[in-house]
Amino acid sequence: MDTADRLIESTRELLWERGYVGTSPKAILQRSGAGQGSMYHHFTGKPDLALAAERRTVDEMRATVDALLSGPGTARERIAVYLRRERDVLRGCPVGRLTMDPDVVASPELRAPVEELFTWLRGRLTALVAEGQASGEFAPGLDPADTAAAIAATLQGGYVLARASDSVEPFDRAVSGILALLGPTP
């Protein structure tokens, strides 16, 4: 891994652990093993490096989610596979974590990758719910966009509940609850 990649990967981990505000250039340098000159050779500063780290996290997450939602099975089965995929629930969502950071939320540049991912996810889920309605899996009265927003919100809220209780049980219950609301497995 070259120096730029080490810096990006270290920043990704630190953003997930500490958020933007809690991630100092010194911590990034220590974790990456890079020198200060290297950081400023590759990036103009912490915001530029954080943006590169965010983009990589978002790109990887989008590819993973897209593969799951595009896989085999009914619309409901693909949503269930996405919701039940293996994840480190108690660490929380690496992208959702950024929404709790005031500096990220206040910066249109730093907020953009987060907003883009969640907009894409809601759109992808909206299409999948509409597909499920067309095939008779989901009730015709469901609003696909509202249902997609509820799925995404339940997932993010499940992380919060799990972290608050230091247990994956609230997350698992939230996922089971949203799937039950979608209706029985055909």
N, C-alpha and C. Protein backbone atom coordinates (compact mmCIF):
# COMPACT_ATOMS: atom_id res chain seq x y z
N MET A 1 0.85 -1.17 0.00
CA MET A 1 0.00 0.00 0.00
C MET A 1 0.90 1.24 0.00
N ASP A 2 0.64 2.15 -0.91
CA ASP A 2 1.48 3.35 -0.96
C ASP A 2 1.05 4.34 0.14
N THR A 3 1.82 5.40 0.29
CA THR A 3 1.60 6.36 1.37
C THR A 3 0.22 6.99 1.31
N ALA A 4 -0.22 7.40 0.13
CA ALA A 4 -1.54 8.02 0.00
C ALA A 4 -2.63 7.05 0.45
N ASP A 5 -2.51 5.78 0.06
CA ASP A 5 -3.50 4.78 0.48
C ASP A 5 -3.46 4.55 1.98
N ARG A 6 -2.29 4.52 2.56
CA ARG A 6 -2.18 4.35 4.02
C ARG A 6 -2.84 5.53 4.74
N LEU A 7 -2.63 6.72 4.22
CA LEU A 7 -3.26 7.90 4.81
C LEU A 7 -4.79 7.82 4.71
N ILE A 8 -5.28 7.43 3.55
CA ILE A 8 -6.73 7.32 3.35
C ILE A 8 -7.31 6.24 4.25
N GLU A 9 -6.68 5.08 4.28
CA GLU A 9 -7.19 3.98 5.10
C GLU A 9 -7.16 4.33 6.58
N SER A 10 -6.11 4.96 7.03
CA SER A 10 -6.02 5.38 8.44
C SER A 10 -7.11 6.39 8.76
N THR A 11 -7.34 7.31 7.86
CA THR A 11 -8.38 8.32 8.06
C THR A 11 -9.76 7.68 8.08
N ARG A 12 -9.99 6.73 7.21
CA ARG A 12 -11.28 6.02 7.21
C ARG A 12 -11.56 5.40 8.57
N GLU A 13 -10.59 4.69 9.10
CA GLU A 13 -10.76 4.04 10.40
C GLU A 13 -10.99 5.07 11.51
N LEU A 14 -10.19 6.12 11.49
CA LEU A 14 -10.33 7.14 12.53
C LEU A 14 -11.66 7.87 12.44
N LEU A 15 -12.13 8.15 11.23
CA LEU A 15 -13.43 8.79 11.08
C LEU A 15 -14.53 7.90 11.66
N TRP A 16 -14.42 6.60 11.43
CA TRP A 16 -15.41 5.66 11.94
C TRP A 16 -15.33 5.59 13.47
N GLU A 17 -14.13 5.59 14.01
CA GLU A 17 -13.95 5.49 15.46
C GLU A 17 -14.25 6.78 16.19
N ARG A 18 -13.75 7.90 15.65
CA ARG A 18 -13.75 9.16 16.40
C ARG A 18 -14.56 10.28 15.76
N GLY A 19 -14.95 10.11 14.51
CA GLY A 19 -15.59 11.20 13.79
C GLY A 19 -14.57 12.19 13.27
N TYR A 20 -15.05 13.16 12.52
CA TYR A 20 -14.16 14.15 11.91
C TYR A 20 -13.50 15.03 12.97
N VAL A 21 -14.31 15.53 13.88
CA VAL A 21 -13.79 16.44 14.91
C VAL A 21 -12.71 15.75 15.74
N GLY A 22 -12.91 14.48 16.06
CA GLY A 22 -11.97 13.74 16.89
C GLY A 22 -10.78 13.17 16.17
N THR A 23 -10.72 13.37 14.87
CA THR A 23 -9.60 12.85 14.07
C THR A 23 -8.63 13.98 13.78
N SER A 24 -7.49 13.92 14.43
CA SER A 24 -6.49 14.96 14.23
C SER A 24 -5.47 14.52 13.18
N PRO A 25 -4.84 15.47 12.52
CA PRO A 25 -3.77 15.12 11.59
C PRO A 25 -2.68 14.29 12.28
N LYS A 26 -2.38 14.60 13.52
CA LYS A 26 -1.37 13.84 14.27
C LYS A 26 -1.79 12.37 14.40
N ALA A 27 -3.05 12.12 14.74
CA ALA A 27 -3.54 10.75 14.87
C ALA A 27 -3.47 10.03 13.52
N ILE A 28 -3.80 10.73 12.44
CA ILE A 28 -3.73 10.13 11.11
C ILE A 28 -2.29 9.73 10.80
N LEU A 29 -1.37 10.62 11.07
CA LEU A 29 0.04 10.34 10.79
C LEU A 29 0.54 9.18 11.64
N GLN A 30 0.17 9.14 12.90
CA GLN A 30 0.59 8.04 13.76
C GLN A 30 0.05 6.71 13.27
N ARG A 31 -1.22 6.68 12.94
CA ARG A 31 -1.84 5.42 12.50
C ARG A 31 -1.28 4.96 11.16
N SER A 32 -1.02 5.90 10.27
CA SER A 32 -0.56 5.54 8.91
C SER A 32 0.94 5.27 8.85
N GLY A 33 1.67 5.81 9.81
CA GLY A 33 3.12 5.69 9.77
C GLY A 33 3.76 6.62 8.74
N ALA A 34 3.01 7.58 8.26
CA ALA A 34 3.50 8.52 7.26
C ALA A 34 4.03 9.78 7.94
N GLY A 35 4.89 10.47 7.25
CA GLY A 35 5.40 11.73 7.77
C GLY A 35 4.49 12.88 7.37
N GLN A 36 4.62 13.98 8.11
CA GLN A 36 3.78 15.14 7.85
C GLN A 36 3.95 15.66 6.43
N GLY A 37 5.16 15.64 5.94
CA GLY A 37 5.41 16.09 4.57
C GLY A 37 4.65 15.25 3.55
N SER A 38 4.56 13.95 3.82
CA SER A 38 3.82 13.06 2.91
C SER A 38 2.34 13.40 2.87
N MET A 39 1.80 13.71 4.04
CA MET A 39 0.38 14.04 4.10
C MET A 39 0.09 15.26 3.23
N TYR A 40 0.92 16.28 3.36
CA TYR A 40 0.67 17.51 2.62
C TYR A 40 1.17 17.43 1.18
N HIS A 41 1.94 16.41 0.87
CA HIS A 41 2.33 16.18 -0.52
C HIS A 41 1.12 15.61 -1.30
N HIS A 42 0.37 14.74 -0.64
CA HIS A 42 -0.75 14.06 -1.30
C HIS A 42 -2.09 14.78 -1.14
N PHE A 43 -2.23 15.54 -0.04
CA PHE A 43 -3.51 16.17 0.26
C PHE A 43 -3.27 17.60 0.73
N THR A 44 -4.23 18.47 0.47
CA THR A 44 -4.05 19.88 0.86
C THR A 44 -4.25 20.11 2.34
N GLY A 45 -4.82 19.13 3.04
CA GLY A 45 -5.04 19.25 4.47
C GLY A 45 -6.04 18.21 4.93
N LYS A 46 -6.43 18.31 6.18
CA LYS A 46 -7.36 17.34 6.78
C LYS A 46 -8.68 17.26 6.01
N PRO A 47 -9.30 18.37 5.61
CA PRO A 47 -10.58 18.24 4.89
C PRO A 47 -10.42 17.46 3.56
N ASP A 48 -9.35 17.71 2.84
CA ASP A 48 -9.11 17.02 1.57
C ASP A 48 -8.90 15.52 1.79
N LEU A 49 -8.13 15.18 2.80
CA LEU A 49 -7.89 13.78 3.13
C LEU A 49 -9.18 13.11 3.62
N ALA A 50 -9.92 13.80 4.47
CA ALA A 50 -11.18 13.25 4.97
C ALA A 50 -12.16 13.01 3.82
N LEU A 51 -12.19 13.91 2.87
CA LEU A 51 -13.08 13.74 1.73
C LEU A 51 -12.68 12.51 0.91
N ALA A 52 -11.39 12.31 0.71
CA ALA A 52 -10.92 11.11 -0.01
C ALA A 52 -11.30 9.84 0.76
N ALA A 53 -11.17 9.88 2.07
CA ALA A 53 -11.53 8.73 2.90
C ALA A 53 -13.04 8.47 2.84
N GLU A 54 -13.83 9.53 2.94
CA GLU A 54 -15.28 9.39 2.83
C GLU A 54 -15.67 8.78 1.50
N ARG A 55 -15.10 9.31 0.43
CA ARG A 55 -15.44 8.82 -0.92
C ARG A 55 -15.12 7.34 -1.05
N ARG A 56 -13.99 6.91 -0.52
CA ARG A 56 -13.63 5.49 -0.61
C ARG A 56 -14.62 4.64 0.19
N THR A 57 -14.97 5.09 1.37
CA THR A 57 -15.94 4.34 2.19
C THR A 57 -17.28 4.27 1.48
N VAL A 58 -17.74 5.39 0.96
CA VAL A 58 -19.02 5.43 0.25
C VAL A 58 -18.99 4.54 -0.99
N ASP A 59 -17.93 4.60 -1.75
CA ASP A 59 -17.82 3.76 -2.96
C ASP A 59 -17.87 2.28 -2.62
N GLU A 60 -17.14 1.90 -1.58
CA GLU A 60 -17.14 0.48 -1.18
C GLU A 60 -18.51 0.06 -0.66
N MET A 61 -19.12 0.91 0.15
CA MET A 61 -20.43 0.57 0.70
C MET A 61 -21.46 0.46 -0.43
N ARG A 62 -21.41 1.40 -1.35
CA ARG A 62 -22.37 1.38 -2.47
C ARG A 62 -22.20 0.11 -3.29
N ALA A 63 -20.98 -0.30 -3.57
CA ALA A 63 -20.74 -1.52 -4.35
C ALA A 63 -21.27 -2.75 -3.60
N THR A 64 -21.03 -2.80 -2.31
CA THR A 64 -21.51 -3.94 -1.51
C THR A 64 -23.03 -3.99 -1.50
N VAL A 65 -23.65 -2.86 -1.22
CA VAL A 65 -25.11 -2.81 -1.15
C VAL A 65 -25.73 -3.10 -2.51
N ASP A 66 -25.16 -2.54 -3.56
CA ASP A 66 -25.70 -2.77 -4.89
C ASP A 66 -25.64 -4.26 -5.26
N ALA A 67 -24.54 -4.92 -4.91
CA ALA A 67 -24.42 -6.35 -5.19
C ALA A 67 -25.51 -7.14 -4.45
N LEU A 68 -25.76 -6.78 -3.21
CA LEU A 68 -26.79 -7.48 -2.44
C LEU A 68 -28.18 -7.23 -2.99
N LEU A 69 -28.47 -5.98 -3.32
CA LEU A 69 -29.81 -5.64 -3.82
C LEU A 69 -30.04 -6.09 -5.25
N SER A 70 -28.96 -6.40 -5.96
CA SER A 70 -29.07 -6.87 -7.34
C SER A 70 -28.98 -8.39 -7.44
N GLY A 71 -28.79 -9.04 -6.32
CA GLY A 71 -28.60 -10.50 -6.31
C GLY A 71 -29.87 -11.26 -6.67
N PRO A 72 -29.79 -12.56 -6.52
CA PRO A 72 -30.96 -13.40 -6.85
C PRO A 72 -32.03 -13.29 -5.78
N GLY A 73 -33.23 -13.66 -6.14
CA GLY A 73 -34.33 -13.70 -5.18
C GLY A 73 -35.38 -12.64 -5.45
N THR A 74 -36.41 -12.72 -4.65
CA THR A 74 -37.50 -11.76 -4.76
C THR A 74 -37.02 -10.42 -4.21
N ALA A 75 -37.82 -9.40 -4.43
CA ALA A 75 -37.48 -8.07 -3.90
C ALA A 75 -37.37 -8.13 -2.38
N ARG A 76 -38.32 -8.78 -1.73
CA ARG A 76 -38.29 -8.89 -0.27
C ARG A 76 -37.06 -9.66 0.19
N GLU A 77 -36.73 -10.73 -0.48
CA GLU A 77 -35.54 -11.51 -0.11
C GLU A 77 -34.27 -10.68 -0.25
N ARG A 78 -34.17 -9.90 -1.30
CA ARG A 78 -32.97 -9.07 -1.49
C ARG A 78 -32.88 -7.97 -0.44
N ILE A 79 -34.03 -7.39 -0.07
CA ILE A 79 -34.03 -6.40 1.01
C ILE A 79 -33.60 -7.07 2.31
N ALA A 80 -34.12 -8.27 2.57
CA ALA A 80 -33.75 -9.00 3.79
C ALA A 80 -32.26 -9.33 3.81
N VAL A 81 -31.72 -9.75 2.68
CA VAL A 81 -30.28 -10.05 2.61
C VAL A 81 -29.48 -8.80 2.93
N TYR A 82 -29.89 -7.67 2.38
CA TYR A 82 -29.21 -6.40 2.66
C TYR A 82 -29.28 -6.06 4.14
N LEU A 83 -30.47 -6.13 4.72
CA LEU A 83 -30.65 -5.76 6.12
C LEU A 83 -29.94 -6.72 7.07
N ARG A 84 -29.87 -7.97 6.70
CA ARG A 84 -29.29 -8.99 7.59
C ARG A 84 -27.84 -9.32 7.27
N ARG A 85 -27.23 -8.58 6.36
CA ARG A 85 -25.84 -8.89 6.02
C ARG A 85 -24.96 -8.74 7.25
N GLU A 86 -23.84 -9.42 7.24
CA GLU A 86 -22.92 -9.34 8.37
C GLU A 86 -22.35 -7.92 8.45
N ARG A 87 -22.35 -7.38 9.63
CA ARG A 87 -21.82 -6.03 9.88
C ARG A 87 -21.43 -5.92 11.34
N ASP A 88 -20.57 -4.97 11.63
CA ASP A 88 -20.13 -4.71 13.00
C ASP A 88 -21.11 -3.71 13.61
N VAL A 89 -22.23 -4.22 14.06
CA VAL A 89 -23.35 -3.39 14.51
C VAL A 89 -22.92 -2.44 15.63
N LEU A 90 -22.16 -2.92 16.58
CA LEU A 90 -21.81 -2.08 17.73
C LEU A 90 -20.84 -0.96 17.38
N ARG A 91 -20.17 -1.06 16.25
CA ARG A 91 -19.33 0.05 15.79
C ARG A 91 -20.17 1.10 15.11
N GLY A 92 -21.35 0.72 14.67
CA GLY A 92 -22.21 1.64 13.96
C GLY A 92 -21.88 1.67 12.48
N CYS A 93 -22.60 2.48 11.76
CA CYS A 93 -22.40 2.62 10.32
C CYS A 93 -21.29 3.64 10.08
N PRO A 94 -20.28 3.28 9.28
CA PRO A 94 -19.19 4.23 9.05
C PRO A 94 -19.63 5.51 8.33
N VAL A 95 -20.69 5.44 7.56
CA VAL A 95 -21.19 6.63 6.88
C VAL A 95 -22.20 7.35 7.77
N GLY A 96 -23.10 6.61 8.37
CA GLY A 96 -24.08 7.21 9.28
C GLY A 96 -23.40 7.93 10.44
N ARG A 97 -22.27 7.43 10.87
CA ARG A 97 -21.49 8.06 11.96
C ARG A 97 -21.16 9.51 11.62
N LEU A 98 -20.91 9.77 10.36
CA LEU A 98 -20.51 11.12 9.94
C LEU A 98 -21.64 12.13 10.07
N THR A 99 -22.88 11.66 10.06
CA THR A 99 -24.01 12.60 10.18
C THR A 99 -24.11 13.18 11.58
N MET A 100 -23.42 12.58 12.52
CA MET A 100 -23.44 13.07 13.90
C MET A 100 -22.33 14.08 14.16
N ASP A 101 -21.52 14.32 13.16
CA ASP A 101 -20.37 15.20 13.33
C ASP A 101 -20.71 16.61 12.85
N PRO A 102 -20.69 17.59 13.74
CA PRO A 102 -21.11 18.94 13.34
C PRO A 102 -20.27 19.56 12.22
N ASP A 103 -18.98 19.25 12.17
CA ASP A 103 -18.14 19.81 11.11
C ASP A 103 -18.47 19.21 9.75
N VAL A 104 -18.84 17.94 9.73
CA VAL A 104 -19.23 17.30 8.47
C VAL A 104 -20.56 17.88 7.99
N VAL A 105 -21.51 17.96 8.89
CA VAL A 105 -22.84 18.46 8.54
C VAL A 105 -22.78 19.92 8.08
N ALA A 106 -21.88 20.70 8.68
CA ALA A 106 -21.77 22.12 8.34
C ALA A 106 -21.01 22.37 7.04
N SER A 107 -20.32 21.35 6.53
CA SER A 107 -19.53 21.52 5.31
C SER A 107 -20.21 20.85 4.13
N PRO A 108 -20.67 21.62 3.15
CA PRO A 108 -21.29 21.00 1.97
C PRO A 108 -20.37 19.99 1.28
N GLU A 109 -19.08 20.27 1.26
CA GLU A 109 -18.12 19.35 0.62
C GLU A 109 -18.03 18.03 1.38
N LEU A 110 -17.90 18.09 2.70
CA LEU A 110 -17.76 16.86 3.50
C LEU A 110 -19.09 16.12 3.64
N ARG A 111 -20.18 16.84 3.59
CA ARG A 111 -21.51 16.23 3.70
C ARG A 111 -21.92 15.55 2.39
N ALA A 112 -21.42 16.03 1.28
CA ALA A 112 -21.87 15.55 -0.03
C ALA A 112 -21.78 14.03 -0.22
N PRO A 113 -20.66 13.37 0.09
CA PRO A 113 -20.63 11.91 -0.12
C PRO A 113 -21.66 11.17 0.73
N VAL A 114 -21.88 11.66 1.94
CA VAL A 114 -22.86 11.05 2.84
C VAL A 114 -24.25 11.20 2.25
N GLU A 115 -24.57 12.41 1.86
CA GLU A 115 -25.88 12.70 1.27
C GLU A 115 -26.08 11.90 -0.02
N GLU A 116 -25.05 11.83 -0.85
CA GLU A 116 -25.15 11.08 -2.11
C GLU A 116 -25.44 9.61 -1.86
N LEU A 117 -24.75 9.03 -0.88
CA LEU A 117 -24.97 7.60 -0.60
C LEU A 117 -26.39 7.35 -0.13
N PHE A 118 -26.85 8.14 0.83
CA PHE A 118 -28.20 7.91 1.35
C PHE A 118 -29.27 8.21 0.32
N THR A 119 -29.05 9.18 -0.54
CA THR A 119 -30.00 9.45 -1.63
C THR A 119 -30.02 8.28 -2.60
N TRP A 120 -28.84 7.78 -2.97
CA TRP A 120 -28.76 6.62 -3.85
C TRP A 120 -29.45 5.42 -3.22
N LEU A 121 -29.18 5.17 -1.93
CA LEU A 121 -29.76 4.01 -1.24
C LEU A 121 -31.28 4.09 -1.23
N ARG A 122 -31.81 5.25 -0.89
CA ARG A 122 -33.27 5.38 -0.89
C ARG A 122 -33.84 5.17 -2.29
N GLY A 123 -33.15 5.66 -3.30
CA GLY A 123 -33.61 5.45 -4.67
C GLY A 123 -33.58 3.98 -5.07
N ARG A 124 -32.53 3.31 -4.68
CA ARG A 124 -32.38 1.89 -5.01
C ARG A 124 -33.45 1.07 -4.30
N LEU A 125 -33.69 1.39 -3.02
CA LEU A 125 -34.73 0.69 -2.27
C LEU A 125 -36.12 1.02 -2.80
N THR A 126 -36.33 2.26 -3.22
CA THR A 126 -37.62 2.66 -3.81
C THR A 126 -37.92 1.79 -5.03
N ALA A 127 -36.93 1.64 -5.88
CA ALA A 127 -37.11 0.81 -7.09
C ALA A 127 -37.40 -0.64 -6.72
N LEU A 128 -36.74 -1.13 -5.69
CA LEU A 128 -36.94 -2.52 -5.28
C LEU A 128 -38.34 -2.72 -4.67
N VAL A 129 -38.81 -1.76 -3.90
CA VAL A 129 -40.16 -1.85 -3.34
C VAL A 129 -41.19 -1.80 -4.49
N ALA A 130 -40.98 -0.93 -5.45
CA ALA A 130 -41.89 -0.85 -6.61
C ALA A 130 -41.88 -2.17 -7.38
N GLU A 131 -40.69 -2.76 -7.52
CA GLU A 131 -40.59 -4.07 -8.19
C GLU A 131 -41.39 -5.11 -7.41
N GLY A 132 -41.28 -5.08 -6.07
CA GLY A 132 -42.03 -6.01 -5.23
C GLY A 132 -43.53 -5.80 -5.33
N GLN A 133 -43.94 -4.56 -5.47
CA GLN A 133 -45.37 -4.29 -5.66
C GLN A 133 -45.85 -4.84 -7.00
N ALA A 134 -45.06 -4.64 -8.04
CA ALA A 134 -45.44 -5.11 -9.38
C ALA A 134 -45.57 -6.62 -9.42
N SER A 135 -44.76 -7.31 -8.61
CA SER A 135 -44.81 -8.78 -8.61
C SER A 135 -45.82 -9.32 -7.60
N GLY A 136 -46.47 -8.42 -6.85
CA GLY A 136 -47.47 -8.84 -5.88
C GLY A 136 -46.91 -9.19 -4.51
N GLU A 137 -45.62 -8.98 -4.28
CA GLU A 137 -45.01 -9.28 -2.98
C GLU A 137 -45.44 -8.29 -1.91
N PHE A 138 -45.54 -7.02 -2.30
CA PHE A 138 -45.84 -5.96 -1.34
C PHE A 138 -47.21 -5.38 -1.64
N ALA A 139 -47.84 -4.90 -0.61
CA ALA A 139 -49.17 -4.32 -0.73
C ALA A 139 -49.16 -3.17 -1.73
N PRO A 140 -50.19 -3.08 -2.56
CA PRO A 140 -50.23 -2.01 -3.56
C PRO A 140 -50.33 -0.62 -2.94
N GLY A 141 -50.78 -0.52 -1.70
CA GLY A 141 -50.93 0.78 -1.05
C GLY A 141 -49.64 1.36 -0.48
N LEU A 142 -48.59 0.58 -0.45
CA LEU A 142 -47.32 1.11 0.06
C LEU A 142 -46.79 2.19 -0.88
N ASP A 143 -46.31 3.26 -0.32
CA ASP A 143 -45.62 4.26 -1.13
C ASP A 143 -44.16 3.82 -1.19
N PRO A 144 -43.64 3.50 -2.38
CA PRO A 144 -42.27 2.97 -2.47
C PRO A 144 -41.21 3.91 -1.88
N ALA A 145 -41.32 5.22 -2.11
CA ALA A 145 -40.32 6.15 -1.59
C ALA A 145 -40.40 6.25 -0.07
N ASP A 146 -41.62 6.31 0.47
CA ASP A 146 -41.77 6.36 1.93
C ASP A 146 -41.28 5.07 2.58
N THR A 147 -41.57 3.95 1.95
CA THR A 147 -41.13 2.65 2.48
C THR A 147 -39.61 2.55 2.44
N ALA A 148 -39.00 3.01 1.36
CA ALA A 148 -37.54 3.00 1.26
C ALA A 148 -36.92 3.87 2.35
N ALA A 149 -37.51 5.03 2.59
CA ALA A 149 -37.00 5.91 3.65
C ALA A 149 -37.14 5.23 5.01
N ALA A 150 -38.24 4.52 5.23
CA ALA A 150 -38.43 3.82 6.50
C ALA A 150 -37.41 2.70 6.68
N ILE A 151 -37.11 1.99 5.61
CA ILE A 151 -36.10 0.93 5.68
C ILE A 151 -34.74 1.51 6.05
N ALA A 152 -34.35 2.57 5.36
CA ALA A 152 -33.04 3.19 5.62
C ALA A 152 -33.00 3.76 7.04
N ALA A 153 -34.08 4.41 7.47
CA ALA A 153 -34.12 5.00 8.81
C ALA A 153 -34.10 3.92 9.89
N THR A 154 -34.78 2.82 9.64
CA THR A 154 -34.79 1.72 10.61
C THR A 154 -33.39 1.15 10.78
N LEU A 155 -32.68 0.99 9.68
CA LEU A 155 -31.32 0.46 9.75
C LEU A 155 -30.42 1.40 10.55
N GLN A 156 -30.44 2.69 10.22
CA GLN A 156 -29.60 3.64 10.94
C GLN A 156 -30.02 3.75 12.41
N GLY A 157 -31.31 3.76 12.66
CA GLY A 157 -31.80 3.80 14.03
C GLY A 157 -31.44 2.55 14.80
N GLY A 158 -31.42 1.42 14.12
CA GLY A 158 -31.01 0.17 14.75
C GLY A 158 -29.58 0.23 15.26
N TYR A 159 -28.71 0.86 14.48
CA TYR A 159 -27.33 1.05 14.94
C TYR A 159 -27.30 1.87 16.22
N VAL A 160 -28.06 2.95 16.24
CA VAL A 160 -28.07 3.84 17.42
C VAL A 160 -28.58 3.08 18.65
N LEU A 161 -29.67 2.35 18.49
CA LEU A 161 -30.21 1.59 19.62
C LEU A 161 -29.25 0.52 20.10
N ALA A 162 -28.57 -0.14 19.18
CA ALA A 162 -27.60 -1.17 19.55
C ALA A 162 -26.43 -0.57 20.32
N ARG A 163 -25.92 0.54 19.81
CA ARG A 163 -24.79 1.18 20.49
C ARG A 163 -25.21 1.69 21.88
N ALA A 164 -26.40 2.22 21.99
CA ALA A 164 -26.87 2.75 23.27
C ALA A 164 -27.00 1.65 24.32
N SER A 165 -27.35 0.45 23.90
CA SER A 165 -27.54 -0.65 24.85
C SER A 165 -26.34 -1.61 24.89
N ASP A 166 -25.35 -1.36 24.03
CA ASP A 166 -24.18 -2.24 23.92
C ASP A 166 -24.60 -3.68 23.64
N SER A 167 -25.59 -3.80 22.76
CA SER A 167 -26.12 -5.11 22.39
C SER A 167 -26.66 -5.05 20.96
N VAL A 168 -26.44 -6.12 20.20
CA VAL A 168 -26.96 -6.15 18.83
C VAL A 168 -28.46 -6.45 18.80
N GLU A 169 -29.02 -6.85 19.94
CA GLU A 169 -30.43 -7.25 19.99
C GLU A 169 -31.39 -6.17 19.48
N PRO A 170 -31.25 -4.90 19.87
CA PRO A 170 -32.18 -3.89 19.33
C PRO A 170 -32.06 -3.72 17.81
N PHE A 171 -30.86 -3.87 17.28
CA PHE A 171 -30.66 -3.79 15.83
C PHE A 171 -31.40 -4.94 15.15
N ASP A 172 -31.19 -6.15 15.64
CA ASP A 172 -31.83 -7.32 15.05
C ASP A 172 -33.35 -7.21 15.13
N ARG A 173 -33.86 -6.69 16.23
CA ARG A 173 -35.31 -6.53 16.37
C ARG A 173 -35.84 -5.48 15.40
N ALA A 174 -35.09 -4.41 15.21
CA ALA A 174 -35.51 -3.37 14.26
C ALA A 174 -35.58 -3.95 12.85
N VAL A 175 -34.58 -4.73 12.47
CA VAL A 175 -34.58 -5.36 11.15
C VAL A 175 -35.75 -6.32 11.02
N SER A 176 -35.97 -7.16 12.03
CA SER A 176 -37.10 -8.09 11.99
C SER A 176 -38.43 -7.34 11.90
N GLY A 177 -38.53 -6.22 12.63
CA GLY A 177 -39.75 -5.43 12.62
C GLY A 177 -40.05 -4.82 11.27
N ILE A 178 -39.04 -4.25 10.62
CA ILE A 178 -39.30 -3.62 9.31
C ILE A 178 -39.64 -4.69 8.27
N LEU A 179 -39.01 -5.85 8.37
CA LEU A 179 -39.34 -6.93 7.43
C LEU A 179 -40.76 -7.43 7.67
N ALA A 180 -41.18 -7.49 8.93
CA ALA A 180 -42.55 -7.91 9.23
C ALA A 180 -43.55 -6.90 8.67
N LEU A 181 -43.21 -5.62 8.75
CA LEU A 181 -44.10 -4.59 8.21
C LEU A 181 -44.23 -4.68 6.70
N LEU A 182 -43.20 -5.19 6.05
CA LEU A 182 -43.27 -5.36 4.59
C LEU A 182 -44.21 -6.50 4.21
N GLY A 183 -44.51 -7.36 5.15
CA GLY A 183 -45.42 -8.46 4.89
C GLY A 183 -44.70 -9.79 4.93
N PRO A 184 -45.48 -10.84 4.94
CA PRO A 184 -44.89 -12.18 5.03
C PRO A 184 -44.08 -12.53 3.79
N THR A 185 -43.16 -13.44 3.99
CA THR A 185 -42.39 -13.97 2.86
C THR A 185 -43.35 -14.76 1.98
N PRO A 186 -43.36 -14.43 0.68
CA PRO A 186 -44.31 -15.15 -0.20
C PRO A 186 -44.02 -16.63 -0.28
